[in-house]
Amino acid sequence: MTSTSRIGTLIALVIVLILAANTLFTVQQTQYALVLSFGKVVRAISEPGLYFKWPLVETVIPLDKRILDLDVAPQTVLEAGQKQLVVDSFARYRISNPLRFYQAVGSRAGATQQLQAIVNAAVRGVIADSKIEDIVRNQRGQLQGQMLSLVNEQVMSRGINIIDLRLRQVVLPPKNTEAVFNRMNSARQREAQEKRSEGTQLATAIRANADLSVQTILGEANQKSEEIRGAADAEKNKIFADAFGRDPGFFAFYRSMQAYENGFKPDSTRMVMAPGSSFFRYFNDPSGRGSAPPPAVSLAAPTPPTNN
């Protein structure tokens, strides 16, 4: 084979490959495909596989079969009580009819633009007839279902099916939020002050009852101690009386020893007594029958000093 024939073969192969690339196309499992001839849809393909189209005449537009996300910009809405709410919502949708979808919106960007306007209108309409308590807590699920139904009624003709529509966040505007926060803060502080007052009053009552109980217990204890002390003193006096009756001498000796012990303590009150006093009779005679020796002091007047 000559070089000229080889070049011709390569050129023919390249032409075939170019024609094949422009003739065959693949539809993925997650796609629809619309075949257009001079801008007009001639075929809508929903099954995956390898397909044929006329080169340079027909073009293919792929569309996504999967669930698509729609983020809606937050908007300020008036609820039934004329309170302003900032509502942030989102939706998920699927292309149910690719031909209608293409004819109505053209592309995903066009669908996003139209769906945002439709969802915003449905959200405003439902919230305008509802109270804030129902929107935030009581009937949120039911209201979201109403919004979903309203949106689907309007987008069904566009080949779109809204799978889910939810309110991501419903809050008061910043100014209203601050006012509500200050009002709630004041209410909580007032409630806290009431609780403190109740606690102080209760603590005072408990403390008064405790002090009364302490005084009652101390009074009863003192009374009982006096009774016990009186009984002990009576028993002691009885014992002393019995001891005195049995042995008056020993009793006198015992009482004198107690008197010596109590009278001669250091740093106690000093007494001036004559040595011959009966208080000291047990010092020289253990039996106590003798008397104390007279004081060894001179009774003579002191000699006055002389002046030399």
Protein backbone atom coordinates (compact mmCIF):
# COMPACT_ATOMS: atom_id res chain seq x y z
CA MET A 1 0.00 0.00 0.00
CA THR A 2 1.40 3.31 -1.09
CA SER A 3 1.74 6.30 1.18
CA THR A 4 -1.01 8.12 -0.73
CA SER A 5 -3.50 5.34 -0.11
CA ARG A 6 -2.54 5.26 3.57
CA ILE A 7 -3.22 8.95 3.93
CA GLY A 8 -6.56 8.53 2.19
CA THR A 9 -7.51 5.71 4.52
CA LEU A 10 -6.63 7.81 7.61
CA ILE A 11 -8.66 10.74 6.31
CA ALA A 12 -11.65 8.49 5.66
CA LEU A 13 -11.33 6.99 9.16
CA VAL A 14 -11.26 10.45 10.72
CA ILE A 15 -14.35 11.46 8.76
CA VAL A 16 -16.15 8.31 9.91
CA LEU A 17 -15.22 8.99 13.53
CA ILE A 18 -16.44 12.58 13.27
CA LEU A 19 -19.71 11.45 11.73
CA ALA A 20 -20.12 8.75 14.40
CA ALA A 21 -19.46 11.26 17.18
CA ASN A 22 -22.12 13.56 15.75
CA THR A 23 -24.53 10.74 15.02
CA LEU A 24 -24.50 8.64 18.20
CA PHE A 25 -25.25 9.90 21.71
CA THR A 26 -25.74 8.30 25.13
CA VAL A 27 -28.56 8.89 27.60
CA GLN A 28 -27.56 8.24 31.21
CA GLN A 29 -29.84 6.57 33.75
CA THR A 30 -30.23 9.85 35.63
CA GLN A 31 -31.20 11.82 32.53
CA TYR A 32 -33.93 12.63 30.08
CA ALA A 33 -32.96 13.64 26.54
CA LEU A 34 -34.75 15.91 24.08
CA VAL A 35 -33.80 15.67 20.41
CA LEU A 36 -34.31 18.96 18.59
CA SER A 37 -34.36 19.51 14.86
CA PHE A 38 -33.81 23.16 13.96
CA GLY A 39 -35.04 24.17 17.46
CA LYS A 40 -38.16 22.00 17.40
CA VAL A 41 -38.49 18.96 19.70
CA VAL A 42 -38.86 15.81 17.59
CA ARG A 43 -38.21 13.20 20.28
CA ALA A 44 -38.26 12.90 24.09
CA ILE A 45 -36.17 10.03 25.44
CA SER A 46 -36.62 8.81 29.03
CA GLU A 47 -34.84 5.44 28.91
CA PRO A 48 -31.04 5.14 29.20
CA GLY A 49 -29.03 3.78 26.25
CA LEU A 50 -27.21 4.57 22.99
CA TYR A 51 -29.24 6.52 20.42
CA PHE A 52 -28.88 7.87 16.86
CA LYS A 53 -29.40 11.42 15.58
CA TRP A 54 -28.82 13.14 12.30
CA PRO A 55 -25.53 14.99 12.38
CA LEU A 56 -25.56 18.74 11.87
CA VAL A 57 -29.35 18.66 11.79
CA GLU A 58 -30.42 17.39 15.21
CA THR A 59 -29.15 18.46 18.65
CA VAL A 60 -29.63 16.81 22.06
CA ILE A 61 -30.54 18.59 25.30
CA PRO A 62 -30.10 16.50 28.49
CA LEU A 63 -32.39 17.09 31.51
CA ASP A 64 -31.90 15.75 35.03
CA LYS A 65 -34.20 13.00 36.30
CA ARG A 66 -33.08 13.31 39.91
CA ILE A 67 -34.69 15.32 42.71
CA LEU A 68 -33.53 18.93 42.49
CA ASP A 69 -33.19 21.51 45.24
CA LEU A 70 -34.78 24.95 45.22
CA ASP A 71 -33.58 27.53 47.75
CA VAL A 72 -36.04 30.38 48.15
CA ALA A 73 -34.77 33.77 49.33
CA PRO A 74 -36.13 34.85 52.76
CA GLN A 75 -39.11 37.20 52.56
CA THR A 76 -41.02 39.38 55.06
CA VAL A 77 -44.67 38.35 55.38
CA LEU A 78 -47.61 39.63 57.43
CA GLU A 79 -49.48 36.94 59.38
CA ALA A 80 -53.19 37.06 60.31
CA GLY A 81 -52.48 39.24 63.38
CA GLN A 82 -50.58 41.78 61.25
CA LYS A 83 -47.25 40.78 62.74
CA GLN A 84 -44.26 40.80 60.44
CA LEU A 85 -42.40 37.51 60.04
CA VAL A 86 -39.21 36.73 58.15
CA VAL A 87 -39.84 33.40 56.40
CA ASP A 88 -37.06 31.25 54.95
CA SER A 89 -38.31 28.29 52.89
CA PHE A 90 -37.00 25.66 50.48
CA ALA A 91 -38.45 23.06 48.11
CA ARG A 92 -37.44 19.89 46.28
CA TYR A 93 -38.84 19.07 42.87
CA ARG A 94 -38.53 16.62 40.01
CA ILE A 95 -39.07 16.99 36.25
CA SER A 96 -42.11 14.84 35.57
CA ASN A 97 -42.57 15.69 31.85
CA PRO A 98 -39.39 16.75 30.02
CA LEU A 99 -41.21 18.02 26.92
CA ARG A 100 -43.56 20.28 28.92
CA PHE A 101 -40.68 21.37 31.09
CA TYR A 102 -38.62 22.46 28.09
CA GLN A 103 -41.54 24.20 26.42
CA ALA A 104 -42.59 26.04 29.63
CA VAL A 105 -39.32 27.03 31.30
CA GLY A 106 -36.58 26.07 28.85
CA SER A 107 -33.87 25.17 31.38
CA ARG A 108 -33.18 24.62 35.06
CA ALA A 109 -32.31 28.31 35.50
CA GLY A 110 -35.69 29.30 34.07
CA ALA A 111 -37.41 26.75 36.31
CA THR A 112 -35.65 28.15 39.39
CA GLN A 113 -36.77 31.69 38.58
CA GLN A 114 -40.41 30.73 38.04
CA LEU A 115 -40.57 28.34 41.00
CA GLN A 116 -39.21 30.93 43.43
CA ALA A 117 -41.98 33.35 42.45
CA ILE A 118 -44.67 30.64 42.74
CA VAL A 119 -43.41 29.34 46.10
CA ASN A 120 -43.14 32.87 47.53
CA ALA A 121 -46.72 33.61 46.51
CA ALA A 122 -48.02 30.36 48.06
CA VAL A 123 -46.12 30.98 51.30
CA ARG A 124 -47.44 34.54 51.57
CA GLY A 125 -51.00 33.43 50.90
CA VAL A 126 -51.04 30.68 53.52
CA ILE A 127 -49.23 32.70 56.21
CA ALA A 128 -51.51 35.71 55.67
CA ASP A 129 -54.46 33.57 56.81
CA SER A 130 -52.65 31.99 59.79
CA LYS A 131 -51.63 33.10 63.26
CA ILE A 132 -48.04 33.05 64.44
CA GLU A 133 -48.73 30.32 67.01
CA ASP A 134 -50.03 27.98 64.30
CA ILE A 135 -47.19 28.83 61.92
CA VAL A 136 -44.44 28.25 64.45
CA ARG A 137 -45.85 25.41 66.55
CA ASN A 138 -49.44 24.24 66.39
CA GLN A 139 -50.20 23.61 62.70
CA ARG A 140 -46.88 23.99 60.94
CA GLY A 141 -47.09 20.63 59.16
CA GLN A 142 -50.63 21.28 57.91
CA LEU A 143 -49.72 24.73 56.62
CA GLN A 144 -46.71 23.34 54.76
CA GLY A 145 -49.03 20.76 53.17
CA GLN A 146 -51.35 23.56 52.00
CA MET A 147 -48.39 25.42 50.46
CA LEU A 148 -47.24 22.24 48.69
CA SER A 149 -50.69 21.66 47.20
CA LEU A 150 -50.99 25.26 45.98
CA VAL A 151 -47.58 25.16 44.30
CA ASN A 152 -48.21 21.78 42.62
CA GLU A 153 -51.49 23.04 41.15
CA GLN A 154 -49.60 25.81 39.38
CA VAL A 155 -46.47 23.93 38.24
CA MET A 156 -48.09 20.68 37.05
CA SER A 157 -48.68 22.17 33.60
CA ARG A 158 -44.95 22.99 33.42
CA GLY A 159 -43.96 19.34 33.72
CA ILE A 160 -42.72 19.80 37.32
CA ASN A 161 -43.69 17.89 40.44
CA ILE A 162 -42.89 19.47 43.83
CA ILE A 163 -41.80 16.64 46.14
CA ASP A 164 -41.43 18.66 49.33
CA LEU A 165 -41.86 22.24 50.54
CA ARG A 166 -40.86 23.30 54.03
CA LEU A 167 -40.41 26.39 56.14
CA ARG A 168 -36.78 26.34 57.19
CA GLN A 169 -37.09 29.24 59.61
CA VAL A 170 -39.83 31.63 60.73
CA VAL A 171 -38.59 34.50 62.90
CA LEU A 172 -39.52 38.04 63.80
CA PRO A 173 -37.61 40.91 62.16
CA PRO A 174 -34.53 42.10 64.11
CA LYS A 175 -36.30 45.14 65.61
CA ASN A 176 -39.29 43.09 66.71
CA THR A 177 -37.00 40.37 68.01
CA GLU A 178 -35.18 42.87 70.21
CA ALA A 179 -38.46 44.26 71.55
CA VAL A 180 -39.79 40.78 72.27
CA PHE A 181 -36.51 39.83 73.95
CA ASN A 182 -36.62 42.92 76.18
CA ARG A 183 -40.25 42.20 77.07
CA MET A 184 -39.44 38.57 77.89
CA ASN A 185 -36.39 39.65 79.86
CA SER A 186 -38.48 42.06 81.95
CA ALA A 187 -41.09 39.36 82.56
CA ARG A 188 -38.43 36.89 83.65
CA GLN A 189 -36.80 39.43 85.97
CA ARG A 190 -40.20 40.23 87.50
CA GLU A 191 -40.87 36.52 87.97
CA ALA A 192 -37.42 36.04 89.51
CA GLN A 193 -38.05 38.91 91.94
CA GLU A 194 -41.37 37.37 92.97
CA LYS A 195 -39.65 34.03 93.54
CA ARG A 196 -36.95 35.72 95.63
CA SER A 197 -39.60 37.50 97.73
CA GLU A 198 -41.46 34.24 98.27
CA GLY A 199 -38.19 32.54 99.18
CA THR A 200 -37.26 35.30 101.64
CA GLN A 201 -40.70 35.14 103.25
CA LEU A 202 -40.53 31.37 103.49
CA ALA A 203 -36.98 31.50 104.89
CA THR A 204 -38.08 34.04 107.55
CA ALA A 205 -40.99 31.83 108.58
CA ILE A 206 -38.74 28.75 108.74
CA ARG A 207 -36.13 30.66 110.75
CA ALA A 208 -38.79 31.95 113.16
CA ASN A 209 -40.19 28.47 113.65
CA ALA A 210 -36.66 27.13 114.18
CA ASP A 211 -35.89 29.85 116.78
CA LEU A 212 -39.18 29.10 118.55
CA SER A 213 -38.35 25.40 118.57
CA VAL A 214 -34.87 26.16 119.94
CA GLN A 215 -36.30 28.33 122.72
CA THR A 216 -38.88 25.68 123.55
CA ILE A 217 -36.27 22.93 123.65
CA LEU A 218 -33.87 25.05 125.73
CA GLY A 219 -36.68 25.97 128.14
CA GLU A 220 -37.67 22.35 128.55
CA ALA A 221 -34.01 21.34 128.94
CA ASN A 222 -33.37 24.05 131.57
CA GLN A 223 -36.50 23.08 133.44
CA LYS A 224 -35.50 19.44 133.38
CA SER A 225 -31.93 20.28 134.42
CA GLU A 226 -33.25 22.35 137.35
CA GLU A 227 -35.49 19.48 138.35
CA ILE A 228 -32.55 17.06 138.17
CA ARG A 229 -30.29 19.49 140.03
CA GLY A 230 -32.93 19.99 142.71
CA ALA A 231 -33.37 16.26 143.10
CA ALA A 232 -29.57 15.84 143.24
CA ASP A 233 -29.25 18.59 145.86
CA ALA A 234 -32.01 16.98 147.91
CA GLU A 235 -30.28 13.61 147.64
CA LYS A 236 -26.96 15.23 148.55
CA ASN A 237 -28.47 16.94 151.60
CA LYS A 238 -30.09 13.70 152.60
CA ILE A 239 -26.74 11.91 152.35
CA PHE A 240 -25.06 14.65 154.35
CA ALA A 241 -27.78 14.48 156.98
CA ASP A 242 -27.43 10.71 157.22
CA ALA A 243 -23.65 11.04 157.47
CA PHE A 244 -23.93 13.67 160.18
CA GLY A 245 -26.37 11.49 162.10
CA ARG A 246 -24.04 8.48 161.94
CA ASP A 247 -20.72 10.22 162.73
CA PRO A 248 -20.88 13.94 163.55
CA GLY A 249 -17.13 14.09 164.12
CA PHE A 250 -16.23 12.69 160.69
CA PHE A 251 -18.80 14.93 159.10
CA ALA A 252 -17.29 17.99 160.84
CA PHE A 253 -13.81 16.86 159.72
CA TYR A 254 -14.96 16.38 156.11
CA ARG A 255 -16.61 19.78 156.01
CA SER A 256 -13.51 21.42 157.45
CA MET A 257 -11.32 19.78 154.80
CA GLN A 258 -13.64 21.12 152.11
CA ALA A 259 -13.44 24.56 153.71
CA TYR A 260 -9.60 24.37 153.73
CA GLU A 261 -9.56 23.29 150.07
CA ASN A 262 -11.86 26.09 148.99
CA GLY A 263 -10.32 28.73 151.25
CA PHE A 264 -6.62 28.23 150.50
CA LYS A 265 -6.69 28.27 146.69
CA PRO A 266 -4.11 30.51 145.00
CA ASP A 267 -5.29 33.87 143.70
CA SER A 268 -8.45 33.57 145.81
CA THR A 269 -9.97 36.06 148.22
CA ARG A 270 -7.71 36.64 151.26
CA MET A 271 -9.10 36.19 154.78
CA VAL A 272 -7.80 37.76 157.99
CA MET A 273 -8.44 35.36 160.91
CA ALA A 274 -6.94 34.87 164.35
CA PRO A 275 -4.70 31.76 164.60
CA GLY A 276 -6.72 30.63 167.62
CA SER A 277 -9.90 30.50 165.61
CA SER A 278 -11.81 27.23 165.63
CA PHE A 279 -11.37 27.21 161.83
CA PHE A 280 -7.79 25.92 162.38
CA ARG A 281 -8.57 23.30 165.08
CA TYR A 282 -7.62 20.37 162.83
CA PHE A 283 -4.12 21.76 162.12
CA ASN A 284 -2.64 20.68 165.52
CA ASP A 285 -5.13 18.02 166.57
CA PRO A 286 -6.50 15.66 163.90
CA SER A 287 -9.40 14.85 166.18
CA GLY A 288 -10.39 18.52 166.21
CA ARG A 289 -10.78 18.62 169.99
CA GLY A 290 -7.71 20.83 170.63
CA SER A 291 -7.45 24.52 169.97
CA ALA A 292 -4.99 26.30 167.75
CA PRO A 293 -1.89 27.87 169.42
CA PRO A 294 -2.02 31.56 170.25
CA PRO A 295 -0.39 33.89 167.76
CA ALA A 296 3.31 34.42 168.29
CA VAL A 297 3.17 38.16 167.94
CA SER A 298 4.10 40.96 170.39
CA LEU A 299 1.38 43.18 171.61
CA ALA A 300 3.80 45.93 172.71
CA ALA A 301 3.66 49.21 170.96
CA PRO A 302 6.49 49.72 168.50
CA THR A 303 9.39 51.91 169.63
CA PRO A 304 9.37 55.21 167.83
CA PRO A 305 12.53 56.04 165.94
CA THR A 306 15.03 58.42 167.64
CA ASN A 307 16.65 61.38 166.03
CA ASN A 308 20.39 61.48 166.50
